[in-house]
Protein backbone atom coordinates (compact mmCIF):
# COMPACT_ATOMS: atom_id res chain seq x y z
CA MET A 1 6.53 -16.18 -11.26
CA GLU A 2 9.62 -14.07 -10.60
CA TYR A 3 9.20 -10.58 -9.49
CA ASP A 4 11.78 -7.85 -9.18
CA LEU A 5 9.87 -6.29 -6.05
CA VAL A 6 7.10 -6.92 -3.87
CA ILE A 7 5.31 -3.88 -2.55
CA SER A 8 2.54 -3.36 0.15
CA LEU A 9 -0.52 -1.48 -0.86
CA GLY A 10 -1.90 -1.74 2.60
CA PRO A 11 -4.44 -1.02 3.81
CA ALA A 12 -2.60 -1.36 7.16
CA CYS A 13 0.52 -2.41 8.66
CA GLU A 14 -0.18 -6.22 8.58
CA THR A 15 0.97 -6.28 4.87
CA ALA A 16 4.26 -4.53 5.25
CA TYR A 17 4.91 -6.63 8.54
CA GLN A 18 4.22 -9.95 6.74
CA LEU A 19 6.31 -9.04 3.62
CA THR A 20 9.23 -7.93 5.85
CA ARG A 21 8.94 -11.04 7.94
CA MET A 22 9.06 -13.44 4.75
CA GLY A 23 12.08 -11.38 3.56
CA ILE A 24 10.49 -10.26 0.42
CA ARG A 25 10.14 -6.57 1.26
CA HIS A 26 13.38 -4.86 0.45
CA SER A 27 12.53 -1.19 0.33
CA ALA A 28 9.98 1.12 2.12
CA PHE A 29 7.04 2.77 0.31
CA PRO A 30 4.32 5.02 1.27
CA PHE A 31 1.59 2.53 2.08
CA ASP A 32 3.84 0.19 4.34
CA TRP A 33 3.03 1.43 7.90
CA VAL A 34 -0.13 3.60 7.39
CA ILE A 35 -3.93 3.02 7.18
CA SER A 36 -5.42 3.72 3.74
CA GLU A 37 -8.69 3.11 2.37
CA PHE A 38 -9.15 2.53 -1.52
CA ARG A 39 -10.02 6.10 -2.55
CA PRO A 40 -6.99 7.65 -0.96
CA LEU A 41 -4.85 5.04 -2.43
CA TYR A 42 -6.23 5.67 -5.87
CA GLU A 43 -6.03 9.40 -5.47
CA CYS A 44 -2.23 9.19 -4.59
CA PHE A 45 -1.62 7.44 -7.85
CA ALA A 46 -3.75 9.57 -9.91
CA ASN A 47 -2.15 12.75 -8.54
CA ASP A 48 1.40 11.61 -8.38
CA PHE A 49 1.33 11.84 -4.66
CA ALA A 50 0.93 15.70 -4.92
CA ASP A 51 0.98 17.26 -1.44
CA PHE A 52 1.20 14.01 0.27
CA LEU A 53 2.52 15.70 3.25
CA THR A 54 3.46 19.08 2.19
CA VAL A 55 0.32 21.19 3.04
CA ARG A 56 0.03 21.50 6.82
CA ASP A 57 -3.42 22.97 6.49
CA ASP A 58 -4.60 19.87 5.06
CA LEU A 59 -3.35 17.71 8.03
CA ILE A 60 -5.86 16.42 10.54
CA VAL A 61 -4.74 15.63 14.10
CA LYS A 62 -7.16 13.43 15.87
CA ASP A 63 -5.96 11.60 19.24
CA GLY A 64 -2.46 12.20 18.46
CA ASN A 65 -2.55 10.59 15.00
CA ILE A 66 -2.32 12.48 11.76
CA SER A 67 -4.30 12.05 8.59
CA ASN A 68 -3.28 13.85 5.43
CA LYS A 69 -5.49 15.46 2.74
CA TYR A 70 -6.25 12.08 1.08
CA GLY A 71 -7.50 10.53 4.32
CA ILE A 72 -4.41 8.38 5.08
CA GLY A 73 -3.84 7.70 8.71
CA PHE A 74 -0.10 7.96 10.05
CA PHE A 75 -0.17 6.22 13.29
CA HIS A 76 3.57 5.39 13.89
CA GLU A 77 5.79 8.16 12.89
CA LEU A 78 4.12 11.55 12.81
CA THR A 79 2.96 13.67 15.84
CA GLU A 80 1.95 17.23 15.86
CA PRO A 81 2.85 19.43 12.67
CA GLY A 82 5.82 21.69 13.51
CA GLN A 83 7.58 18.99 15.82
CA PRO A 84 11.00 17.93 14.98
CA ASP A 85 9.99 14.49 14.24
CA PHE A 86 7.21 15.79 11.76
CA GLU A 87 9.82 17.19 9.37
CA LYS A 88 11.87 14.10 9.40
CA ALA A 89 8.84 11.89 8.81
CA LYS A 90 7.70 14.16 6.09
CA THR A 91 10.99 13.83 4.25
CA LYS A 92 10.91 10.16 4.67
CA PHE A 93 7.51 9.81 3.22
CA GLN A 94 8.15 12.06 0.28
CA ARG A 95 11.28 9.91 -0.36
CA ARG A 96 9.12 6.81 -0.37
CA ALA A 97 6.27 8.30 -2.61
CA LYS A 98 9.13 9.34 -5.07
CA ARG A 99 10.66 5.74 -4.89
CA LEU A 100 7.22 4.35 -5.70
CA LEU A 101 6.53 6.55 -8.61
CA ASN A 102 10.03 5.77 -10.23
CA VAL A 103 9.00 2.08 -9.88
CA MET A 104 5.61 2.88 -11.58
CA LYS A 105 7.41 4.45 -14.45
CA SER A 106 9.99 1.63 -14.85
CA THR A 107 9.53 -1.67 -16.69
CA GLN A 108 10.28 -3.64 -13.51
CA ARG A 109 8.16 -6.78 -12.63
CA VAL A 110 6.36 -6.08 -9.55
CA LEU A 111 3.81 -7.79 -7.31
CA PHE A 112 1.68 -5.47 -5.22
CA VAL A 113 -0.18 -6.89 -2.24
CA ARG A 114 -3.32 -5.57 -0.69
CA ARG A 115 -5.02 -7.04 2.50
CA GLY A 116 -8.56 -6.49 1.45
CA GLY A 117 -10.17 -3.18 1.26
CA MET A 118 -10.67 -3.33 -2.33
CA ALA A 119 -14.00 -4.19 -4.23
CA LYS A 120 -13.99 -5.59 -7.94
CA ASP A 121 -14.91 -2.34 -9.44
CA GLN A 122 -12.28 -0.49 -7.61
CA ALA A 123 -9.76 -3.03 -8.77
CA GLN A 124 -10.90 -2.34 -12.38
CA GLU A 125 -10.57 1.32 -11.83
CA LEU A 126 -7.02 1.02 -10.47
CA ASN A 127 -5.98 -1.14 -13.42
CA LYS A 128 -7.33 1.19 -15.97
CA LEU A 129 -5.34 4.20 -14.20
CA TRP A 130 -2.14 2.16 -14.02
CA GLN A 131 -2.41 0.91 -17.67
CA GLU A 132 -2.92 4.45 -18.91
CA LYS A 133 -0.42 6.21 -16.59
CA PHE A 134 2.51 3.96 -15.87
CA THR A 135 4.89 1.31 -17.61
CA VAL A 136 5.65 -1.08 -14.75
CA ASP A 137 4.87 -4.65 -15.30
CA TYR A 138 2.65 -5.40 -12.39
CA HIS A 139 0.36 -7.87 -10.90
CA ILE A 140 -1.83 -7.30 -7.75
CA ALA A 141 -2.57 -9.91 -5.02
CA VAL A 142 -5.88 -8.88 -3.06
CA ILE A 143 -5.97 -11.04 0.13
CA ASP A 144 -9.48 -10.93 1.32
CA LYS A 145 -11.38 -11.83 4.45
CA ARG A 146 -14.02 -13.61 2.30
CA PRO A 147 -13.65 -15.85 -0.56
CA ILE A 148 -13.79 -13.87 -3.80
CA ASN A 149 -12.75 -14.73 -7.36
CA TRP A 150 -12.75 -11.73 -9.68
CA LYS A 151 -10.97 -13.34 -12.73
CA LEU A 152 -9.40 -10.11 -13.61
CA HIS A 153 -6.25 -9.40 -15.84
CA ARG A 154 -3.27 -8.49 -13.58
CA PHE A 155 -5.08 -9.51 -10.35
CA THR A 156 -5.09 -12.60 -8.02
CA THR A 157 -7.58 -12.76 -5.27
CA LEU A 158 -6.97 -15.00 -2.41
CA TYR A 159 -8.85 -15.88 0.88
CA MET A 160 -7.46 -15.53 4.55
CA PRO A 161 -9.75 -15.23 7.37
CA PRO A 162 -9.30 -12.09 9.41
CA THR A 163 -7.32 -12.25 12.88
CA GLU A 164 -7.46 -9.98 15.81
CA ASP A 165 -3.55 -9.59 15.71
CA TRP A 166 -2.27 -6.55 13.82
CA GLN A 167 0.53 -8.68 12.44
CA GLY A 168 -1.80 -11.19 10.96
CA ASP A 169 -1.36 -14.95 10.75
CA SER A 170 2.17 -15.70 9.70
CA GLU A 171 1.21 -19.39 8.86
CA ALA A 172 -1.52 -18.47 6.67
CA TRP A 173 0.55 -15.75 4.87
CA ASP A 174 3.28 -18.34 4.28
CA GLU A 175 0.80 -20.74 2.80
CA LEU A 176 -0.59 -18.07 0.41
CA PHE A 177 2.89 -16.97 -0.68
CA ASP A 178 3.75 -20.40 -1.49
CA LYS A 179 0.99 -20.27 -4.13
CA ILE A 180 1.91 -16.78 -5.41
CA LEU A 181 5.69 -16.76 -5.82
């Protein structure tokens, strides 16, 4: 299949790293370099990323890392609120969220990729939300650490064993994407 864009849906840095390494990630989006469980990902789309990083009272600082009101962890670009790099990073993430929402409201053909962290019922919930709310022509590849086969419209489920390396197994990613693209 041909796609206009390939976009990471996390849940961690491995996905964005591998899409970049393969030369198929051409723009930055909000879930590229963060830690995100399913529920925060879903809520961001449901709320159009409202207050993604705008309400400082909703930011939680723990061990030098920041989580936003959705529970998404920012481990690379954010430090204490009020620091100069915080404002720069906040602007960057707001721009990425706006870019993603513009894609979601387009008619582009997009492959979204998520490395696990999504159950079948959650996939159905996300699919329902996107079909009701957005116009993008999408397909979601869920790469899981266990063999699964959901047989859901707009979803491909693929197996890849877990690895200890945050970057993942490049050879395994290449093999999977030979099947997807």
